[in-house]
């Protein structure tokens, strides 16, 4: 159980993460779409041609988890484009996307 000082820090980090997520959701989706199109194309099942913009616009956030400090992971629904897999985006403590994985 965190002590009161730790709890205050956790709450402040969570507020920053929520604000950052709200302000940068499309940036994170575009990053994910670019990574999927460049490195995970084998997962795409809906047609052979899809643009980064179409993929980014059709994704929506399902959940996120906060790591230690200010890092967090986002789980996006792929709207069936990648066979109903979850597209995970990893965000570092500086708030920059730093990786993508396909789950499910």
Protein backbone atom coordinates (compact mmCIF):
# COMPACT_ATOMS: atom_id res chain seq x y z
CA UNK A 1 0.00 0.00 0.00
CA UNK A 2 1.51 3.34 -1.01
CA UNK A 3 2.05 5.95 1.67
CA UNK A 4 0.41 9.37 1.37
CA UNK A 5 3.35 10.97 -0.50
CA UNK A 6 3.48 8.10 -3.01
CA UNK A 7 -0.29 8.25 -3.46
CA UNK A 8 -0.11 12.00 -4.19
CA UNK A 9 2.60 11.36 -6.83
CA UNK A 10 0.55 8.57 -8.42
CA UNK A 11 -2.51 10.83 -8.64
CA UNK A 12 -0.50 13.68 -10.18
CA UNK A 13 1.05 11.29 -12.74
CA UNK A 14 -2.40 9.94 -13.61
CA UNK A 15 -3.72 13.49 -14.19
CA UNK A 16 -0.81 14.25 -16.52
CA UNK A 17 -1.30 10.98 -18.40
CA UNK A 18 -5.04 11.61 -18.89
CA UNK A 19 -4.37 15.12 -20.21
CA UNK A 20 -1.59 13.86 -22.48
CA UNK A 21 -3.75 11.02 -23.79
CA UNK A 22 -6.64 13.34 -24.58
CA UNK A 23 -4.38 15.82 -26.38
CA UNK A 24 -2.45 13.19 -28.35
CA UNK A 25 -4.88 10.37 -29.12
CA UNK A 26 -4.73 10.92 -32.89
CA UNK A 27 -0.92 11.15 -32.78
CA UNK A 28 -0.82 7.78 -31.02
CA UNK A 29 -3.28 6.26 -33.52
CA UNK A 30 -1.27 7.59 -36.48
CA UNK A 31 1.92 6.17 -34.97
CA UNK A 32 0.22 2.79 -34.53
CA UNK A 33 -1.18 2.84 -38.08
CA UNK A 34 2.24 3.65 -39.51
CA UNK A 35 3.90 0.86 -37.54
CA UNK A 36 1.21 -1.67 -38.49
CA UNK A 37 1.48 -0.76 -42.18
CA UNK A 38 5.29 -0.90 -42.14
CA UNK A 39 5.98 -3.86 -39.85
CA UNK A 40 2.81 -5.87 -39.25
CA UNK A 41 1.09 -5.88 -42.63
CA UNK A 42 0.54 -9.64 -42.39
CA UNK A 43 -2.16 -8.96 -39.77
CA UNK A 44 -4.27 -6.85 -42.12
CA UNK A 45 -7.21 -8.92 -43.34
CA UNK A 46 -9.54 -6.25 -44.68
CA UNK A 47 -8.56 -5.69 -48.29
CA UNK A 48 -5.08 -5.32 -49.62
CA UNK A 49 -4.99 -1.53 -49.69
CA UNK A 50 -5.65 0.61 -46.64
CA UNK A 51 -4.20 4.00 -45.92
CA UNK A 52 -2.59 5.17 -42.72
CA UNK A 53 -5.36 7.74 -42.35
CA UNK A 54 -8.14 5.18 -42.76
CA UNK A 55 -6.57 2.82 -40.23
CA UNK A 56 -5.95 5.63 -37.73
CA UNK A 57 -9.50 6.97 -38.08
CA UNK A 58 -11.11 3.57 -37.59
CA UNK A 59 -9.17 2.64 -34.45
CA UNK A 60 -10.60 3.49 -31.04
CA UNK A 61 -9.18 3.17 -27.58
CA UNK A 62 -10.48 0.29 -25.50
CA UNK A 63 -8.25 0.57 -22.46
CA UNK A 64 -4.95 1.75 -21.15
CA UNK A 65 -2.64 0.86 -18.31
CA UNK A 66 -0.19 3.00 -16.42
CA UNK A 67 3.31 1.69 -15.83
CA UNK A 68 5.85 2.93 -13.36
CA UNK A 69 6.39 6.66 -13.42
CA UNK A 70 4.62 8.27 -16.35
CA UNK A 71 4.83 5.51 -18.96
CA UNK A 72 1.61 3.92 -20.18
CA UNK A 73 0.23 1.44 -22.72
CA UNK A 74 -2.81 1.98 -24.92
CA UNK A 75 -5.01 -0.77 -26.33
CA UNK A 76 -6.88 0.16 -29.51
CA UNK A 77 -9.66 -1.77 -31.20
CA UNK A 78 -8.74 -2.33 -34.86
CA UNK A 79 -12.36 -2.24 -36.18
CA UNK A 80 -11.75 -5.62 -37.82
CA UNK A 81 -8.93 -4.39 -40.06
CA UNK A 82 -6.38 -6.70 -38.45
CA UNK A 83 -8.74 -9.58 -37.75
CA UNK A 84 -10.15 -8.04 -34.55
CA UNK A 85 -6.79 -7.97 -32.83
CA UNK A 86 -5.88 -5.32 -30.30
CA UNK A 87 -3.25 -2.82 -31.42
CA UNK A 88 -1.12 -1.91 -28.43
CA UNK A 89 0.86 1.34 -28.33
CA UNK A 90 3.59 1.80 -25.76
CA UNK A 91 4.32 5.34 -24.55
CA UNK A 92 7.50 6.22 -22.68
CA UNK A 93 7.88 8.49 -19.63
CA UNK A 94 8.42 11.50 -21.90
CA UNK A 95 5.02 10.89 -23.50
CA UNK A 96 6.41 9.66 -26.82
CA UNK A 97 5.12 6.51 -28.52
CA UNK A 98 7.94 3.98 -28.50
CA UNK A 99 6.48 0.72 -29.79
CA UNK A 100 3.51 -1.17 -31.18
CA UNK A 101 2.40 -4.75 -30.82
CA UNK A 102 -0.56 -6.73 -32.14
CA UNK A 103 -2.28 -8.75 -29.41
CA UNK A 104 -4.96 -11.38 -29.59
